[in-house]
Amino acid sequence: MIPLSRLAAVSATLVICGVTAIAAQERGPDRLGGPGAVMERFDTDGDGVVTRAEVDAAQAARFAEADLNGDGALSLDELIAAQEARRLARQTAQAQRLLAWLDQDGDGVVSAEEMAQLAGRRGDIFERLDRDADGTITLEEVEQARALRRGGGRPWFGKRVMRP
């Protein structure tokens, strides 16, 4: 059995992680959401404020969701399952945003033509990495691109890459 103080700490952690995951899921293509998404999720009565009772209810619901066998305690397997569910929810939300961005004609799939259009809008990655325009990419050119990226440049997709 998990001691009550540890159980409360784990439960609070699950709520905080859940708030973060929910906020991340609710972000639109502009990747905003943050406090507004949190307020929307927890302000269950719609009065514009979140009360202790609303947070406590969310905490209890999050704990109950993680407590798969209903015994009032979270096992390692249940904690892992809760984390995996949140990870999957984040990845699904990210994939949905990516699909919405890539799917130019709105048919729910990304065609080779749509990918080619994207490459055309972003510029050819090969040309961006082939800094000396000799038709080959060397390790030095890749390292230069990585260093530029770390330093605020955008060799992969930005306009800051200059040819020598």
N, C-alpha and C. Protein backbone atom coordinates (compact mmCIF):
# COMPACT_ATOMS: atom_id res chain seq x y z
N MET A 1 0.83 -1.18 0.00
CA MET A 1 0.00 0.00 0.00
C MET A 1 0.88 1.24 0.00
N ILE A 2 0.48 2.25 -0.73
CA ILE A 2 1.21 3.52 -0.77
C ILE A 2 0.76 4.37 0.41
N PRO A 3 1.69 4.99 1.18
CA PRO A 3 1.30 5.87 2.28
C PRO A 3 0.44 7.02 1.76
N LEU A 4 -0.47 7.51 2.59
CA LEU A 4 -1.41 8.56 2.20
C LEU A 4 -0.71 9.81 1.71
N SER A 5 0.39 10.24 2.35
CA SER A 5 1.09 11.45 1.92
C SER A 5 1.69 11.27 0.53
N ARG A 6 2.23 10.09 0.27
CA ARG A 6 2.78 9.81 -1.07
C ARG A 6 1.67 9.72 -2.10
N LEU A 7 0.55 9.13 -1.69
CA LEU A 7 -0.59 9.02 -2.57
C LEU A 7 -1.09 10.40 -2.97
N ALA A 8 -1.15 11.32 -2.01
CA ALA A 8 -1.58 12.69 -2.30
C ALA A 8 -0.59 13.37 -3.24
N ALA A 9 0.70 13.16 -3.03
CA ALA A 9 1.72 13.77 -3.89
C ALA A 9 1.62 13.22 -5.31
N VAL A 10 1.46 11.91 -5.43
CA VAL A 10 1.33 11.29 -6.75
C VAL A 10 0.07 11.79 -7.44
N SER A 11 -1.00 11.88 -6.69
CA SER A 11 -2.26 12.36 -7.24
C SER A 11 -2.13 13.80 -7.73
N ALA A 12 -1.49 14.65 -6.94
CA ALA A 12 -1.28 16.04 -7.34
C ALA A 12 -0.42 16.11 -8.59
N THR A 13 0.59 15.27 -8.66
CA THR A 13 1.45 15.23 -9.85
C THR A 13 0.66 14.82 -11.08
N LEU A 14 -0.21 13.84 -10.92
CA LEU A 14 -1.05 13.42 -12.05
C LEU A 14 -1.94 14.56 -12.52
N VAL A 15 -2.49 15.32 -11.60
CA VAL A 15 -3.35 16.45 -11.98
C VAL A 15 -2.54 17.49 -12.73
N ILE A 16 -1.34 17.82 -12.20
CA ILE A 16 -0.51 18.83 -12.86
C ILE A 16 -0.11 18.35 -14.25
N CYS A 17 0.31 17.08 -14.36
CA CYS A 17 0.66 16.53 -15.68
C CYS A 17 -0.55 16.53 -16.60
N GLY A 18 -1.69 16.22 -16.03
CA GLY A 18 -2.92 16.21 -16.82
C GLY A 18 -3.28 17.58 -17.33
N VAL A 19 -3.10 18.61 -16.49
CA VAL A 19 -3.37 19.98 -16.91
C VAL A 19 -2.46 20.35 -18.06
N THR A 20 -1.19 20.00 -17.93
CA THR A 20 -0.23 20.30 -18.98
C THR A 20 -0.59 19.57 -20.27
N ALA A 21 -0.91 18.29 -20.16
CA ALA A 21 -1.26 17.50 -21.35
C ALA A 21 -2.53 18.02 -21.99
N ILE A 22 -3.50 18.37 -21.15
CA ILE A 22 -4.77 18.88 -21.69
C ILE A 22 -4.52 20.20 -22.41
N ALA A 23 -3.73 21.08 -21.79
CA ALA A 23 -3.43 22.36 -22.43
C ALA A 23 -2.72 22.13 -23.76
N ALA A 24 -1.78 21.18 -23.79
CA ALA A 24 -1.06 20.89 -25.03
C ALA A 24 -2.00 20.34 -26.09
N GLN A 25 -2.93 19.49 -25.69
CA GLN A 25 -3.86 18.91 -26.65
C GLN A 25 -4.80 19.96 -27.22
N GLU A 26 -5.15 20.95 -26.41
CA GLU A 26 -6.15 21.92 -26.83
C GLU A 26 -5.55 23.07 -27.63
N ARG A 27 -4.25 23.08 -27.81
CA ARG A 27 -3.63 24.13 -28.61
C ARG A 27 -4.03 23.94 -30.06
N GLY A 28 -4.28 25.02 -30.71
CA GLY A 28 -4.62 24.97 -32.12
C GLY A 28 -3.36 25.00 -32.96
N PRO A 29 -3.52 25.17 -34.27
CA PRO A 29 -2.37 25.20 -35.16
C PRO A 29 -1.40 26.33 -34.82
N ASP A 30 -1.92 27.40 -34.16
CA ASP A 30 -1.03 28.49 -33.78
C ASP A 30 -0.25 28.15 -32.51
N ARG A 31 -0.47 26.97 -31.95
CA ARG A 31 0.24 26.44 -30.80
C ARG A 31 0.04 27.28 -29.55
N LEU A 32 -1.06 28.00 -29.49
CA LEU A 32 -1.39 28.73 -28.28
C LEU A 32 -2.42 27.93 -27.52
N GLY A 33 -2.70 28.29 -26.36
CA GLY A 33 -3.67 27.59 -25.54
C GLY A 33 -3.44 27.97 -24.10
N GLY A 34 -2.43 27.42 -23.51
CA GLY A 34 -1.97 27.76 -22.19
C GLY A 34 -3.06 28.00 -21.18
N PRO A 35 -3.01 29.17 -20.52
CA PRO A 35 -3.95 29.44 -19.42
C PRO A 35 -5.42 29.37 -19.84
N GLY A 36 -5.73 29.83 -21.04
CA GLY A 36 -7.12 29.78 -21.51
C GLY A 36 -7.64 28.36 -21.59
N ALA A 37 -6.80 27.45 -22.08
CA ALA A 37 -7.21 26.05 -22.18
C ALA A 37 -7.36 25.44 -20.79
N VAL A 38 -6.48 25.82 -19.88
CA VAL A 38 -6.57 25.31 -18.52
C VAL A 38 -7.85 25.81 -17.87
N MET A 39 -8.14 27.10 -18.03
CA MET A 39 -9.37 27.66 -17.44
C MET A 39 -10.60 26.96 -18.03
N GLU A 40 -10.57 26.77 -19.33
CA GLU A 40 -11.71 26.11 -19.97
C GLU A 40 -11.94 24.71 -19.42
N ARG A 41 -10.85 24.00 -19.18
CA ARG A 41 -10.94 22.62 -18.69
C ARG A 41 -11.42 22.55 -17.24
N PHE A 42 -10.90 23.45 -16.39
CA PHE A 42 -11.19 23.35 -14.97
C PHE A 42 -12.34 24.21 -14.48
N ASP A 43 -12.68 25.25 -15.22
CA ASP A 43 -13.79 26.11 -14.81
C ASP A 43 -15.09 25.44 -15.25
N THR A 44 -15.48 24.40 -14.52
CA THR A 44 -16.60 23.57 -14.94
C THR A 44 -17.94 24.27 -14.86
N ASP A 45 -18.07 25.29 -14.00
CA ASP A 45 -19.35 25.99 -13.93
C ASP A 45 -19.38 27.24 -14.82
N GLY A 46 -18.27 27.53 -15.51
CA GLY A 46 -18.24 28.62 -16.48
C GLY A 46 -18.30 30.02 -15.90
N ASP A 47 -17.92 30.20 -14.63
CA ASP A 47 -18.02 31.53 -14.02
C ASP A 47 -16.75 32.36 -14.17
N GLY A 48 -15.75 31.84 -14.90
CA GLY A 48 -14.53 32.61 -15.14
C GLY A 48 -13.47 32.46 -14.08
N VAL A 49 -13.71 31.66 -13.06
CA VAL A 49 -12.71 31.40 -12.03
C VAL A 49 -12.67 29.90 -11.75
N VAL A 50 -11.53 29.45 -11.27
CA VAL A 50 -11.38 28.05 -10.88
C VAL A 50 -11.32 28.00 -9.36
N THR A 51 -12.21 27.24 -8.78
CA THR A 51 -12.27 27.12 -7.32
C THR A 51 -11.50 25.89 -6.86
N ARG A 52 -11.24 25.84 -5.55
CA ARG A 52 -10.58 24.67 -4.96
C ARG A 52 -11.44 23.43 -5.23
N ALA A 53 -12.76 23.57 -5.14
CA ALA A 53 -13.65 22.42 -5.37
C ALA A 53 -13.50 21.89 -6.80
N GLU A 54 -13.33 22.79 -7.78
CA GLU A 54 -13.16 22.35 -9.16
C GLU A 54 -11.83 21.63 -9.34
N VAL A 55 -10.78 22.15 -8.71
CA VAL A 55 -9.47 21.49 -8.79
C VAL A 55 -9.52 20.14 -8.10
N ASP A 56 -10.15 20.10 -6.91
CA ASP A 56 -10.26 18.83 -6.18
C ASP A 56 -11.04 17.80 -6.99
N ALA A 57 -12.10 18.23 -7.65
CA ALA A 57 -12.89 17.31 -8.47
C ALA A 57 -12.06 16.79 -9.64
N ALA A 58 -11.28 17.66 -10.26
CA ALA A 58 -10.42 17.24 -11.36
C ALA A 58 -9.35 16.26 -10.87
N GLN A 59 -8.81 16.55 -9.70
CA GLN A 59 -7.79 15.68 -9.11
C GLN A 59 -8.38 14.30 -8.82
N ALA A 60 -9.56 14.27 -8.25
CA ALA A 60 -10.20 12.99 -7.95
C ALA A 60 -10.51 12.22 -9.23
N ALA A 61 -10.98 12.93 -10.25
CA ALA A 61 -11.29 12.26 -11.52
C ALA A 61 -10.03 11.71 -12.17
N ARG A 62 -8.94 12.48 -12.13
CA ARG A 62 -7.69 12.06 -12.73
C ARG A 62 -7.16 10.81 -12.00
N PHE A 63 -7.25 10.83 -10.67
CA PHE A 63 -6.80 9.68 -9.89
C PHE A 63 -7.65 8.46 -10.22
N ALA A 64 -8.97 8.64 -10.25
CA ALA A 64 -9.87 7.52 -10.55
C ALA A 64 -9.59 6.95 -11.94
N GLU A 65 -9.27 7.84 -12.87
CA GLU A 65 -8.94 7.40 -14.23
C GLU A 65 -7.67 6.55 -14.24
N ALA A 66 -6.70 6.91 -13.43
CA ALA A 66 -5.44 6.16 -13.37
C ALA A 66 -5.58 4.88 -12.56
N ASP A 67 -6.50 4.85 -11.61
CA ASP A 67 -6.69 3.68 -10.73
C ASP A 67 -7.53 2.63 -11.46
N LEU A 68 -6.88 1.91 -12.34
CA LEU A 68 -7.58 0.99 -13.26
C LEU A 68 -8.34 -0.11 -12.55
N ASN A 69 -7.82 -0.60 -11.42
CA ASN A 69 -8.51 -1.69 -10.73
C ASN A 69 -9.43 -1.21 -9.61
N GLY A 70 -9.48 0.11 -9.40
CA GLY A 70 -10.42 0.68 -8.44
C GLY A 70 -10.11 0.39 -6.98
N ASP A 71 -8.86 0.07 -6.67
CA ASP A 71 -8.54 -0.28 -5.27
C ASP A 71 -8.13 0.93 -4.43
N GLY A 72 -8.17 2.12 -4.99
CA GLY A 72 -7.84 3.32 -4.23
C GLY A 72 -6.34 3.57 -4.11
N ALA A 73 -5.54 2.82 -4.85
CA ALA A 73 -4.09 2.99 -4.83
C ALA A 73 -3.56 2.84 -6.25
N LEU A 74 -2.45 3.50 -6.52
CA LEU A 74 -1.86 3.43 -7.85
C LEU A 74 -0.62 2.56 -7.83
N SER A 75 -0.65 1.50 -8.58
CA SER A 75 0.51 0.61 -8.70
C SER A 75 1.45 1.17 -9.76
N LEU A 76 2.63 0.60 -9.82
CA LEU A 76 3.58 0.99 -10.86
C LEU A 76 2.97 0.81 -12.24
N ASP A 77 2.30 -0.32 -12.45
CA ASP A 77 1.68 -0.58 -13.75
C ASP A 77 0.63 0.48 -14.09
N GLU A 78 -0.14 0.89 -13.09
CA GLU A 78 -1.17 1.90 -13.33
C GLU A 78 -0.55 3.27 -13.64
N LEU A 79 0.53 3.61 -12.94
CA LEU A 79 1.22 4.87 -13.22
C LEU A 79 1.81 4.86 -14.63
N ILE A 80 2.40 3.74 -15.00
CA ILE A 80 2.96 3.62 -16.35
C ILE A 80 1.85 3.74 -17.38
N ALA A 81 0.73 3.08 -17.15
CA ALA A 81 -0.40 3.15 -18.08
C ALA A 81 -0.91 4.57 -18.21
N ALA A 82 -0.98 5.31 -17.10
CA ALA A 82 -1.44 6.70 -17.14
C ALA A 82 -0.48 7.57 -17.95
N GLN A 83 0.82 7.37 -17.73
CA GLN A 83 1.81 8.12 -18.48
C GLN A 83 1.75 7.80 -19.97
N GLU A 84 1.61 6.53 -20.29
CA GLU A 84 1.51 6.12 -21.69
C GLU A 84 0.27 6.70 -22.35
N ALA A 85 -0.84 6.74 -21.64
CA ALA A 85 -2.07 7.32 -22.18
C ALA A 85 -1.88 8.79 -22.48
N ARG A 86 -1.22 9.52 -21.58
CA ARG A 86 -0.96 10.94 -21.81
C ARG A 86 -0.01 11.13 -22.99
N ARG A 87 1.02 10.29 -23.06
CA ARG A 87 1.97 10.37 -24.18
C ARG A 87 1.26 10.14 -25.51
N LEU A 88 0.41 9.11 -25.55
CA LEU A 88 -0.32 8.81 -26.76
C LEU A 88 -1.26 9.95 -27.14
N ALA A 89 -1.91 10.54 -26.15
CA ALA A 89 -2.81 11.67 -26.41
C ALA A 89 -2.03 12.85 -26.99
N ARG A 90 -0.83 13.14 -26.45
CA ARG A 90 0.01 14.23 -26.98
C ARG A 90 0.43 13.93 -28.41
N GLN A 91 0.89 12.70 -28.65
CA GLN A 91 1.35 12.34 -29.99
C GLN A 91 0.21 12.39 -30.99
N THR A 92 -0.96 11.95 -30.57
CA THR A 92 -2.12 11.98 -31.46
C THR A 92 -2.48 13.42 -31.80
N ALA A 93 -2.48 14.29 -30.81
CA ALA A 93 -2.79 15.71 -31.05
C ALA A 93 -1.76 16.33 -31.98
N GLN A 94 -0.47 16.02 -31.78
CA GLN A 94 0.58 16.54 -32.65
C GLN A 94 0.41 16.04 -34.07
N ALA A 95 0.10 14.76 -34.22
CA ALA A 95 -0.08 14.18 -35.56
C ALA A 95 -1.29 14.81 -36.24
N GLN A 96 -2.35 15.06 -35.50
CA GLN A 96 -3.53 15.70 -36.08
C GLN A 96 -3.22 17.11 -36.55
N ARG A 97 -2.45 17.87 -35.75
CA ARG A 97 -2.06 19.23 -36.18
C ARG A 97 -1.17 19.17 -37.42
N LEU A 98 -0.24 18.21 -37.43
CA LEU A 98 0.64 18.07 -38.58
C LEU A 98 -0.15 17.71 -39.83
N LEU A 99 -1.08 16.78 -39.70
CA LEU A 99 -1.91 16.40 -40.84
C LEU A 99 -2.71 17.60 -41.35
N ALA A 100 -3.29 18.36 -40.43
CA ALA A 100 -4.07 19.53 -40.84
C ALA A 100 -3.19 20.53 -41.58
N TRP A 101 -1.94 20.65 -41.17
CA TRP A 101 -1.03 21.59 -41.82
C TRP A 101 -0.58 21.09 -43.19
N LEU A 102 -0.29 19.79 -43.30
CA LEU A 102 0.22 19.22 -44.54
C LEU A 102 -0.87 18.96 -45.58
N ASP A 103 -2.07 18.63 -45.14
CA ASP A 103 -3.16 18.23 -46.03
C ASP A 103 -3.78 19.46 -46.68
N GLN A 104 -3.20 19.89 -47.78
CA GLN A 104 -3.61 21.13 -48.45
C GLN A 104 -5.02 21.08 -49.02
N ASP A 105 -5.45 19.91 -49.50
CA ASP A 105 -6.78 19.83 -50.12
C ASP A 105 -7.87 19.35 -49.16
N GLY A 106 -7.50 19.07 -47.91
CA GLY A 106 -8.50 18.72 -46.89
C GLY A 106 -9.13 17.36 -47.04
N ASP A 107 -8.49 16.42 -47.74
CA ASP A 107 -9.10 15.10 -47.92
C ASP A 107 -8.73 14.11 -46.81
N GLY A 108 -7.98 14.56 -45.82
CA GLY A 108 -7.66 13.71 -44.68
C GLY A 108 -6.41 12.86 -44.85
N VAL A 109 -5.72 13.00 -45.95
CA VAL A 109 -4.47 12.28 -46.18
C VAL A 109 -3.47 13.24 -46.82
N VAL A 110 -2.18 12.91 -46.72
CA VAL A 110 -1.14 13.73 -47.33
C VAL A 110 -0.60 12.97 -48.53
N SER A 111 -0.76 13.56 -49.69
CA SER A 111 -0.29 12.93 -50.92
C SER A 111 1.15 13.31 -51.20
N ALA A 112 1.77 12.59 -52.12
CA ALA A 112 3.13 12.91 -52.54
C ALA A 112 3.17 14.32 -53.14
N GLU A 113 2.11 14.70 -53.84
CA GLU A 113 2.05 16.04 -54.44
C GLU A 113 2.04 17.11 -53.35
N GLU A 114 1.28 16.87 -52.29
CA GLU A 114 1.24 17.84 -51.19
C GLU A 114 2.59 17.96 -50.52
N MET A 115 3.30 16.84 -50.37
CA MET A 115 4.63 16.88 -49.79
C MET A 115 5.58 17.64 -50.71
N ALA A 116 5.46 17.43 -52.02
CA ALA A 116 6.31 18.15 -52.97
C ALA A 116 6.03 19.65 -52.91
N GLN A 117 4.75 20.02 -52.78
CA GLN A 117 4.40 21.44 -52.66
C GLN A 117 5.04 22.03 -51.41
N LEU A 118 5.01 21.28 -50.32
CA LEU A 118 5.61 21.74 -49.07
C LEU A 118 7.11 21.94 -49.27
N ALA A 119 7.76 20.99 -49.90
CA ALA A 119 9.20 21.09 -50.15
C ALA A 119 9.49 22.32 -51.00
N GLY A 120 8.63 22.59 -51.96
CA GLY A 120 8.81 23.77 -52.80
C GLY A 120 8.67 25.06 -52.01
N ARG A 121 7.75 25.09 -51.06
CA ARG A 121 7.57 26.29 -50.23
C ARG A 121 8.73 26.48 -49.28
N ARG A 122 9.29 25.40 -48.79
CA ARG A 122 10.35 25.47 -47.79
C ARG A 122 11.74 25.51 -48.42
N GLY A 123 11.86 25.21 -49.66
CA GLY A 123 13.17 25.14 -50.28
C GLY A 123 13.73 23.73 -50.16
N ASP A 124 14.57 23.39 -51.07
CA ASP A 124 15.14 22.05 -51.11
C ASP A 124 16.18 21.89 -50.01
N ILE A 125 15.98 20.94 -49.11
CA ILE A 125 16.89 20.71 -47.99
C ILE A 125 18.29 20.36 -48.50
N PHE A 126 18.36 19.64 -49.60
CA PHE A 126 19.68 19.27 -50.14
C PHE A 126 20.45 20.54 -50.50
N GLU A 127 19.78 21.45 -51.20
CA GLU A 127 20.45 22.68 -51.60
C GLU A 127 20.85 23.52 -50.39
N ARG A 128 20.05 23.48 -49.36
CA ARG A 128 20.38 24.26 -48.15
C ARG A 128 21.59 23.68 -47.43
N LEU A 129 21.74 22.36 -47.46
CA LEU A 129 22.89 21.74 -46.80
C LEU A 129 24.15 21.79 -47.66
N ASP A 130 23.99 21.74 -48.97
CA ASP A 130 25.13 21.76 -49.90
C ASP A 130 25.61 23.22 -50.02
N ARG A 131 26.29 23.69 -48.98
CA ARG A 131 26.64 25.10 -48.86
C ARG A 131 27.58 25.59 -49.96
N ASP A 132 28.44 24.71 -50.47
CA ASP A 132 29.35 25.15 -51.53
C ASP A 132 28.81 24.84 -52.93
N ALA A 133 27.58 24.32 -53.01
CA ALA A 133 26.88 24.05 -54.27
C ALA A 133 27.68 23.15 -55.22
N ASP A 134 28.39 22.15 -54.66
CA ASP A 134 29.15 21.25 -55.51
C ASP A 134 28.42 19.95 -55.82
N GLY A 135 27.15 19.85 -55.38
CA GLY A 135 26.36 18.66 -55.67
C GLY A 135 26.54 17.54 -54.67
N THR A 136 27.30 17.77 -53.60
CA THR A 136 27.49 16.79 -52.54
C THR A 136 27.34 17.47 -51.19
N ILE A 137 27.00 16.67 -50.18
CA ILE A 137 26.91 17.17 -48.81
C ILE A 137 27.99 16.47 -48.00
N THR A 138 28.86 17.24 -47.40
CA THR A 138 29.94 16.68 -46.58
C THR A 138 29.55 16.75 -45.10
N LEU A 139 30.28 16.01 -44.29
CA LEU A 139 30.08 16.06 -42.85
C LEU A 139 30.29 17.50 -42.34
N GLU A 140 31.26 18.18 -42.88
CA GLU A 140 31.52 19.57 -42.47
C GLU A 140 30.30 20.46 -42.75
N GLU A 141 29.65 20.27 -43.87
CA GLU A 141 28.47 21.08 -44.20
C GLU A 141 27.31 20.78 -43.24
N VAL A 142 27.16 19.51 -42.89
CA VAL A 142 26.11 19.15 -41.93
C VAL A 142 26.42 19.77 -40.58
N GLU A 143 27.69 19.70 -40.16
CA GLU A 143 28.08 20.29 -38.89
C GLU A 143 27.89 21.81 -38.90
N GLN A 144 28.19 22.46 -40.00
CA GLN A 144 27.96 23.90 -40.12
C GLN A 144 26.48 24.23 -39.98
N ALA A 145 25.66 23.42 -40.61
CA ALA A 145 24.22 23.65 -40.54
C ALA A 145 23.71 23.47 -39.11
N ARG A 146 24.22 22.44 -38.43
CA ARG A 146 23.82 22.21 -37.03
C ARG A 146 24.26 23.35 -36.15
N ALA A 147 25.48 23.83 -36.34
CA ALA A 147 25.99 24.95 -35.54
C ALA A 147 25.17 26.21 -35.80
N LEU A 148 24.84 26.46 -37.04
CA LEU A 148 24.03 27.62 -37.38
C LEU A 148 22.66 27.51 -36.74
N ARG A 149 22.10 26.32 -36.77
CA ARG A 149 20.77 26.10 -36.17
C ARG A 149 20.82 26.37 -34.67
N ARG A 150 21.84 25.86 -34.00
CA ARG A 150 21.99 26.08 -32.55
C ARG A 150 22.20 27.56 -32.24
N GLY A 151 22.84 28.27 -33.15
CA GLY A 151 23.14 29.68 -32.93
C GLY A 151 22.02 30.61 -33.33
N GLY A 152 20.87 30.09 -33.67
CA GLY A 152 19.74 30.94 -34.02
C GLY A 152 19.45 31.01 -35.50
N GLY A 153 20.34 30.45 -36.32
CA GLY A 153 20.08 30.40 -37.75
C GLY A 153 19.07 29.31 -38.04
N ARG A 154 18.63 29.22 -39.28
CA ARG A 154 17.62 28.23 -39.63
C ARG A 154 18.01 27.53 -40.92
N PRO A 155 19.05 26.70 -40.87
CA PRO A 155 19.54 26.10 -42.10
C PRO A 155 18.57 25.13 -42.73
N TRP A 156 17.68 24.57 -41.95
CA TRP A 156 16.79 23.56 -42.52
C TRP A 156 15.66 24.21 -43.29
N PHE A 157 15.08 25.27 -42.76
CA PHE A 157 13.89 25.81 -43.40
C PHE A 157 13.88 27.34 -43.46
N GLY A 158 14.79 27.99 -42.78
CA GLY A 158 14.75 29.44 -42.71
C GLY A 158 15.41 30.10 -43.89
N LYS A 159 15.49 31.40 -43.85
CA LYS A 159 16.06 32.16 -44.95
C LYS A 159 17.44 32.70 -44.61
N ARG A 160 17.99 32.34 -43.45
CA ARG A 160 19.26 32.90 -43.02
C ARG A 160 20.47 32.19 -43.61
N VAL A 161 20.31 31.07 -44.24
CA VAL A 161 21.45 30.35 -44.77
C VAL A 161 21.97 31.08 -46.00
N MET A 162 23.24 31.45 -45.95
CA MET A 162 23.85 32.16 -47.05
C MET A 162 24.88 31.26 -47.71
N ARG A 163 24.91 31.25 -48.98
CA ARG A 163 25.92 30.50 -49.70
C ARG A 163 27.20 31.31 -49.70
N PRO A 164 28.35 30.63 -49.60
CA PRO A 164 29.64 31.36 -49.65
C PRO A 164 29.88 32.01 -51.00
